[in-house]
Amino acid sequence: MKRRAFLSLPTLSAGSLAAAALPAWPMTAWADAAAPKKPADRFASEELEAHDLQVPGRASLARRALVLAPRHLKAGTRPRALVLLHGLGETGNEALGIRAWAELYGLISAYERLRRPPLERILPRARYATDERLEELNRSLAARPFEGLLLICPVTPNPYKPGPAARTLDAYTEWLFDSLLPTVRERVGPFSALGIDGCSLGGYAALEVFLRRPTAFATLGSVQGAFGEPRAERYATLLAEALEGKKPVPIHIETSSEDPYRKANELLARRLKDRGVEATLRVPPGPHNQPWLREIGTLEMLLWHDRHLRAS
């Protein structure tokens, strides 16, 4: 993979969610080759049925999502659902945005691996998944098999184009709840509990969406979330305030040993715990890139949400 290029972003505008400027997001870490023409056909698997949904919306915001529905659940079962927001490298291109989680981040392969344990490495020369962690995961799956989720992977906008970010995120949250989720219920089927997560830019966006609709979600997560330490402090305060007096929402913070945002993510997890918010921190070895996601990052995220949405 080419050396990372970094995109400088402006500081956030004033407002309740505006604190310090965000550090640059790794641009090339999430980019890849041209996207396929028919993602629903390409991404269908024995475990998951793919739906390429065209949803009313603005081209500059979002109007498309790939939904992966479990084939293996009993008829009449309402699956638990997870919204997944992608990184910066796939913004501005609907076809690439559709491809991001399903293929580039290894979502479908991670789902299949969790459904068919024991887990093994898929990158033999990389040690992103340690022997000890694989043993732990396999013991966990033997005791409690992976149940499965309805996976909703919408196109994610760059909040700073055209900006301001707060306004874009307001509009995106409205699109998710007023357009996308009703379309999923109508065209794919009903679901029960709902979680949200995202990778890099998508991790930042997932936190922002959650803060706008905290009672709508039963779980929250961020994988290598692209934000700095001042913003981590601010998010911890806002999340604790949003959840005060309400049903607890478990939070999953996943970073990696070589992630440029590791310190900020670790700080967020610590500050949440300091404020009495349930937060799980996971720091596997590895960099901020797609191979790490495909080997262990996406798998850890999926299993955590499966466990905690089941308990909601």
Protein backbone atom coordinates (compact mmCIF):
# COMPACT_ATOMS: atom_id res chain seq x y z
CA MET A 1 0.00 0.00 0.00
CA LYS A 2 1.25 3.46 -0.81
CA ARG A 3 2.50 5.73 1.91
CA ARG A 4 -0.38 7.61 3.53
CA ALA A 5 -1.36 11.00 2.22
CA PHE A 6 -3.03 13.34 4.67
CA LEU A 7 -5.85 15.77 3.98
CA SER A 8 -5.92 18.91 6.08
CA LEU A 9 -9.34 19.84 7.39
CA PRO A 10 -10.60 23.12 8.86
CA THR A 11 -11.53 23.51 12.50
CA LEU A 12 -15.17 22.89 13.39
CA SER A 13 -17.62 25.75 13.58
CA ALA A 14 -18.91 26.89 16.94
CA GLY A 15 -21.59 24.78 18.59
CA SER A 16 -22.16 22.13 21.19
CA LEU A 17 -20.15 19.58 19.23
CA ALA A 18 -17.37 21.91 18.14
CA ALA A 19 -14.18 21.64 20.09
CA ALA A 20 -10.69 21.40 18.67
CA ALA A 21 -9.77 20.87 15.02
CA LEU A 22 -9.70 17.30 13.87
CA PRO A 23 -6.38 15.84 12.79
CA ALA A 24 -6.10 14.89 9.15
CA TRP A 25 -7.69 11.62 8.08
CA PRO A 26 -5.55 9.04 6.28
CA MET A 27 -6.82 9.31 2.72
CA THR A 28 -5.10 6.54 0.82
CA ALA A 29 -5.40 4.01 3.64
CA TRP A 30 -9.02 3.39 2.68
CA ALA A 31 -8.90 3.83 -1.10
CA ASP A 32 -8.80 0.90 -3.49
CA ALA A 33 -9.60 -0.08 -7.06
CA ALA A 34 -12.72 0.83 -9.05
CA ALA A 35 -16.00 -0.46 -7.69
CA PRO A 36 -18.13 -3.15 -9.35
CA LYS A 37 -21.23 -2.23 -11.35
CA LYS A 38 -23.60 -4.60 -9.54
CA PRO A 39 -22.74 -4.74 -5.83
CA ALA A 40 -25.87 -6.66 -4.87
CA ASP A 41 -24.78 -9.53 -7.13
CA ARG A 42 -21.12 -9.28 -6.22
CA PHE A 43 -21.62 -9.21 -2.46
CA ALA A 44 -24.27 -11.91 -2.05
CA SER A 45 -23.03 -14.93 -0.09
CA GLU A 46 -24.34 -18.13 1.45
CA GLU A 47 -24.82 -16.28 4.73
CA LEU A 48 -25.99 -12.86 3.54
CA GLU A 49 -28.44 -11.59 0.92
CA ALA A 50 -27.33 -8.28 -0.60
CA HIS A 51 -29.69 -5.39 -1.37
CA ASP A 52 -28.45 -2.31 -3.22
CA LEU A 53 -30.97 0.33 -2.11
CA GLN A 54 -31.52 3.57 -3.98
CA VAL A 55 -32.95 5.95 -1.39
CA PRO A 56 -34.38 9.46 -1.83
CA GLY A 57 -31.70 11.99 -0.96
CA ARG A 58 -29.21 14.52 -2.26
CA ALA A 59 -26.23 13.39 -4.31
CA SER A 60 -24.02 15.68 -2.21
CA LEU A 61 -25.17 13.92 0.98
CA ALA A 62 -26.31 10.31 0.49
CA ARG A 63 -28.87 8.39 -1.52
CA ARG A 64 -27.65 4.80 -1.59
CA ALA A 65 -26.91 1.94 0.80
CA LEU A 66 -25.88 -1.70 0.65
CA VAL A 67 -27.90 -3.84 3.06
CA LEU A 68 -26.75 -7.36 3.93
CA ALA A 69 -29.56 -9.48 5.34
CA PRO A 70 -28.89 -12.79 7.13
CA ARG A 71 -30.19 -15.81 5.24
CA HIS A 72 -29.73 -18.20 8.16
CA LEU A 73 -32.28 -16.86 10.66
CA LYS A 74 -35.56 -18.66 11.20
CA ALA A 75 -38.54 -17.36 9.25
CA GLY A 76 -40.30 -14.57 11.08
CA THR A 77 -37.26 -13.62 13.14
CA ARG A 78 -36.59 -9.91 13.37
CA PRO A 79 -32.82 -9.49 13.19
CA ARG A 80 -30.92 -6.92 15.17
CA ALA A 81 -29.47 -4.27 12.88
CA LEU A 82 -26.14 -2.44 12.70
CA VAL A 83 -25.50 0.75 10.73
CA LEU A 84 -21.88 0.97 9.50
CA LEU A 85 -20.33 4.23 8.24
CA HIS A 86 -17.24 4.14 6.05
CA GLY A 87 -14.00 6.12 5.88
CA LEU A 88 -12.87 9.21 4.01
CA GLY A 89 -11.25 7.41 1.09
CA GLU A 90 -14.62 6.19 -0.17
CA THR A 91 -16.51 9.48 0.16
CA GLY A 92 -17.65 11.27 -2.99
CA ASN A 93 -18.14 8.02 -4.94
CA GLU A 94 -21.37 6.08 -4.41
CA ALA A 95 -20.07 2.87 -5.98
CA LEU A 96 -16.92 2.92 -3.84
CA GLY A 97 -18.94 3.81 -0.75
CA ILE A 98 -21.13 0.77 -1.33
CA ARG A 99 -18.04 -1.40 -1.66
CA ALA A 100 -16.27 -0.08 1.44
CA TRP A 101 -17.51 -2.22 4.31
CA ALA A 102 -18.72 -5.21 2.33
CA GLU A 103 -15.46 -5.90 0.58
CA LEU A 104 -12.64 -3.48 1.34
CA TYR A 105 -13.01 -3.73 5.11
CA GLY A 106 -13.78 -7.46 5.04
CA LEU A 107 -17.31 -7.34 6.45
CA ILE A 108 -18.72 -10.31 4.54
CA SER A 109 -15.67 -12.50 5.14
CA ALA A 110 -15.64 -11.58 8.85
CA TYR A 111 -19.32 -12.52 9.11
CA GLU A 112 -18.69 -15.86 7.43
CA ARG A 113 -15.69 -16.58 9.65
CA LEU A 114 -17.73 -15.87 12.77
CA ARG A 115 -20.49 -18.16 11.51
CA ARG A 116 -18.01 -20.98 10.82
CA PRO A 117 -15.47 -21.17 13.64
CA PRO A 118 -12.78 -21.91 14.60
CA LEU A 119 -11.27 -18.61 13.62
CA GLU A 120 -7.92 -18.66 11.87
CA ARG A 121 -5.65 -16.02 10.41
CA ILE A 122 -6.26 -15.01 6.81
CA LEU A 123 -2.93 -13.12 6.65
CA PRO A 124 -0.35 -15.68 7.83
CA ARG A 125 2.57 -13.22 7.80
CA ALA A 126 0.74 -10.57 9.80
CA ARG A 127 0.21 -10.90 13.53
CA TYR A 128 -2.76 -8.57 13.83
CA ALA A 129 -4.69 -11.47 15.37
CA THR A 130 -2.54 -12.93 18.14
CA ASP A 131 -2.64 -16.60 19.11
CA GLU A 132 -3.96 -15.66 22.54
CA ARG A 133 -6.77 -13.53 21.15
CA LEU A 134 -7.81 -16.17 18.60
CA GLU A 135 -8.02 -18.72 21.41
CA GLU A 136 -10.17 -16.35 23.47
CA LEU A 137 -12.49 -15.66 20.55
CA ASN A 138 -12.84 -19.33 19.68
CA ARG A 139 -13.67 -20.22 23.29
CA SER A 140 -16.26 -17.45 23.30
CA LEU A 141 -17.82 -18.65 20.05
CA ALA A 142 -17.91 -22.25 21.29
CA ALA A 143 -19.84 -21.10 24.36
CA ARG A 144 -22.05 -18.58 22.56
CA PRO A 145 -22.23 -18.89 18.76
CA PHE A 146 -22.41 -15.78 16.63
CA GLU A 147 -26.11 -15.11 16.05
CA GLY A 148 -25.96 -12.68 13.13
CA LEU A 149 -27.02 -9.15 12.24
CA LEU A 150 -28.74 -7.15 9.55
CA LEU A 151 -25.94 -4.93 8.23
CA ILE A 152 -26.81 -1.48 6.85
CA CYS A 153 -23.93 0.16 4.98
CA PRO A 154 -24.90 3.60 3.66
CA VAL A 155 -22.81 5.97 1.64
CA THR A 156 -21.13 8.31 4.13
CA PRO A 157 -20.48 11.95 3.19
CA ASN A 158 -17.42 14.03 3.99
CA PRO A 159 -18.99 16.47 6.50
CA TYR A 160 -16.62 19.21 5.40
CA LYS A 161 -17.76 19.23 1.78
CA PRO A 162 -19.33 21.67 1.41
CA GLY A 163 -19.75 22.20 5.16
CA PRO A 164 -20.26 23.41 7.76
CA ALA A 165 -19.80 19.97 9.30
CA ALA A 166 -22.53 20.34 11.94
CA ARG A 167 -25.14 21.16 9.30
CA THR A 168 -24.06 18.25 7.10
CA LEU A 169 -24.24 15.85 10.04
CA ASP A 170 -27.68 17.17 11.00
CA ALA A 171 -28.92 16.53 7.45
CA TYR A 172 -27.25 13.11 7.28
CA THR A 173 -28.85 12.02 10.55
CA GLU A 174 -32.24 13.08 9.24
CA TRP A 175 -31.64 11.15 6.00
CA LEU A 176 -30.72 8.02 7.94
CA PHE A 177 -33.87 8.11 10.05
CA ASP A 178 -36.39 9.65 7.67
CA SER A 179 -35.32 7.96 4.41
CA LEU A 180 -32.89 5.08 4.77
CA LEU A 181 -34.22 3.13 7.76
CA PRO A 182 -37.87 3.29 6.60
CA THR A 183 -36.72 2.05 3.18
CA VAL A 184 -34.84 -0.83 4.79
CA ARG A 185 -37.96 -1.82 6.74
CA GLU A 186 -40.11 -1.62 3.63
CA ARG A 187 -37.85 -3.34 1.11
CA VAL A 188 -35.73 -5.71 3.21
CA GLY A 189 -37.79 -6.30 6.34
CA PRO A 190 -38.33 -5.17 9.93
CA PHE A 191 -35.60 -5.31 12.52
CA SER A 192 -35.45 -4.94 16.28
CA ALA A 193 -32.59 -3.33 18.19
CA LEU A 194 -30.31 -0.94 16.32
CA GLY A 195 -26.60 -0.21 16.73
CA ILE A 196 -24.18 2.12 14.94
CA ASP A 197 -20.45 1.98 14.28
CA GLY A 198 -17.98 3.38 11.79
CA CYS A 199 -14.38 3.28 10.67
CA SER A 200 -11.95 6.23 10.72
CA LEU A 201 -14.03 9.16 9.42
CA GLY A 202 -17.01 6.86 9.87
CA GLY A 203 -16.13 6.39 13.54
CA TYR A 204 -16.25 10.15 14.05
CA ALA A 205 -19.52 10.32 12.09
CA ALA A 206 -21.05 7.47 14.12
CA LEU A 207 -20.39 9.34 17.36
CA GLU A 208 -21.93 12.49 15.88
CA VAL A 209 -25.04 10.68 14.63
CA PHE A 210 -25.49 8.95 17.97
CA LEU A 211 -25.33 12.25 19.83
CA ARG A 212 -28.16 13.55 17.66
CA ARG A 213 -30.39 10.47 18.32
CA PRO A 214 -29.06 8.79 21.48
CA THR A 215 -32.30 7.03 22.37
CA ALA A 216 -32.54 5.36 18.94
CA PHE A 217 -29.53 3.10 19.44
CA ALA A 218 -28.83 0.13 21.70
CA THR A 219 -25.08 0.02 20.96
CA LEU A 220 -22.42 2.47 19.78
CA GLY A 221 -18.94 1.86 18.46
CA SER A 222 -15.99 3.39 16.65
CA VAL A 223 -13.18 1.58 14.84
CA GLN A 224 -9.99 3.66 14.63
CA GLY A 225 -12.12 6.78 14.95
CA ALA A 226 -10.53 9.84 13.33
CA PHE A 227 -10.53 12.47 16.06
CA GLY A 228 -7.97 14.10 18.32
CA GLU A 229 -7.54 14.15 22.08
CA PRO A 230 -9.39 17.46 22.73
CA ARG A 231 -12.38 16.07 20.85
CA ALA A 232 -12.15 12.79 22.78
CA GLU A 233 -12.51 14.78 26.01
CA ARG A 234 -15.51 16.59 24.57
CA TYR A 235 -17.16 13.41 23.30
CA ALA A 236 -16.83 11.74 26.70
CA THR A 237 -18.66 14.66 28.31
CA LEU A 238 -21.38 14.79 25.65
CA LEU A 239 -21.96 11.05 25.67
CA ALA A 240 -22.22 10.92 29.45
CA GLU A 241 -24.69 13.80 29.38
CA ALA A 242 -26.73 12.22 26.59
CA LEU A 243 -27.02 8.92 28.48
CA GLU A 244 -27.64 10.33 31.95
CA GLY A 245 -30.87 8.98 33.38
CA LYS A 246 -31.51 6.79 30.34
CA LYS A 247 -31.12 3.10 29.60
CA PRO A 248 -27.38 2.33 29.44
CA VAL A 249 -25.88 2.03 25.97
CA PRO A 250 -22.64 0.02 25.85
CA ILE A 251 -19.85 1.59 23.79
CA HIS A 252 -17.05 -0.19 21.90
CA ILE A 253 -13.86 1.73 21.18
CA GLU A 254 -11.47 -0.14 18.89
CA THR A 255 -8.09 1.17 17.81
CA SER A 256 -4.74 -0.51 17.07
CA SER A 257 -1.14 -0.31 18.19
CA GLU A 258 -0.03 1.79 15.19
CA ASP A 259 -3.21 3.79 14.67
CA PRO A 260 -2.41 7.55 14.52
CA TYR A 261 -5.61 8.11 16.55
CA ARG A 262 -4.77 5.53 19.21
CA LYS A 263 -4.12 8.00 22.03
CA ALA A 264 -7.38 9.85 21.39
CA ASN A 265 -9.40 6.63 21.28
CA GLU A 266 -7.79 5.32 24.46
CA LEU A 267 -8.47 8.64 26.13
CA LEU A 268 -12.14 8.51 25.12
CA ALA A 269 -12.51 5.04 26.62
CA ARG A 270 -10.85 6.14 29.89
CA ARG A 271 -12.94 9.29 30.21
CA LEU A 272 -16.15 7.38 29.54
CA LYS A 273 -15.31 4.91 32.30
CA ASP A 274 -14.45 7.82 34.61
CA ARG A 275 -18.00 9.11 34.02
CA GLY A 276 -19.61 5.75 34.69
CA VAL A 277 -20.37 4.92 31.05
CA GLU A 278 -19.88 1.29 29.98
CA ALA A 279 -17.02 1.31 27.47
CA THR A 280 -14.95 -1.55 26.08
CA LEU A 281 -11.51 -0.73 24.67
CA ARG A 282 -9.83 -3.10 22.23
CA VAL A 283 -6.29 -2.44 20.88
CA PRO A 284 -5.10 -5.25 18.58
CA PRO A 285 -1.65 -4.92 17.05
CA GLY A 286 -1.43 -3.36 13.63
CA PRO A 287 -1.71 -0.21 11.50
CA HIS A 288 -4.58 1.99 10.30
CA ASN A 289 -5.36 0.21 7.04
CA GLN A 290 -7.65 -2.22 5.25
CA PRO A 291 -5.64 -5.45 5.75
CA TRP A 292 -5.86 -4.89 9.53
CA LEU A 293 -9.62 -4.47 9.22
CA ARG A 294 -9.98 -7.59 7.10
CA GLU A 295 -7.87 -9.69 9.48
CA ILE A 296 -9.17 -8.66 12.91
CA GLY A 297 -10.65 -5.15 13.19
CA THR A 298 -13.99 -5.80 11.51
CA LEU A 299 -14.34 -9.23 13.10
CA GLU A 300 -13.87 -7.84 16.63
CA MET A 301 -16.40 -5.10 15.94
CA LEU A 302 -19.03 -7.49 14.55
CA LEU A 303 -18.79 -9.96 17.40
CA TRP A 304 -19.01 -7.22 20.03
CA HIS A 305 -22.20 -5.76 18.53
CA ASP A 306 -23.71 -9.22 18.09
CA ARG A 307 -23.15 -9.93 21.79
CA HIS A 308 -24.41 -6.58 23.08
CA LEU A 309 -27.37 -6.09 20.74
CA ARG A 310 -28.51 -9.57 21.74
CA ALA A 311 -28.48 -8.45 25.37
CA SER A 312 -30.33 -5.17 24.72
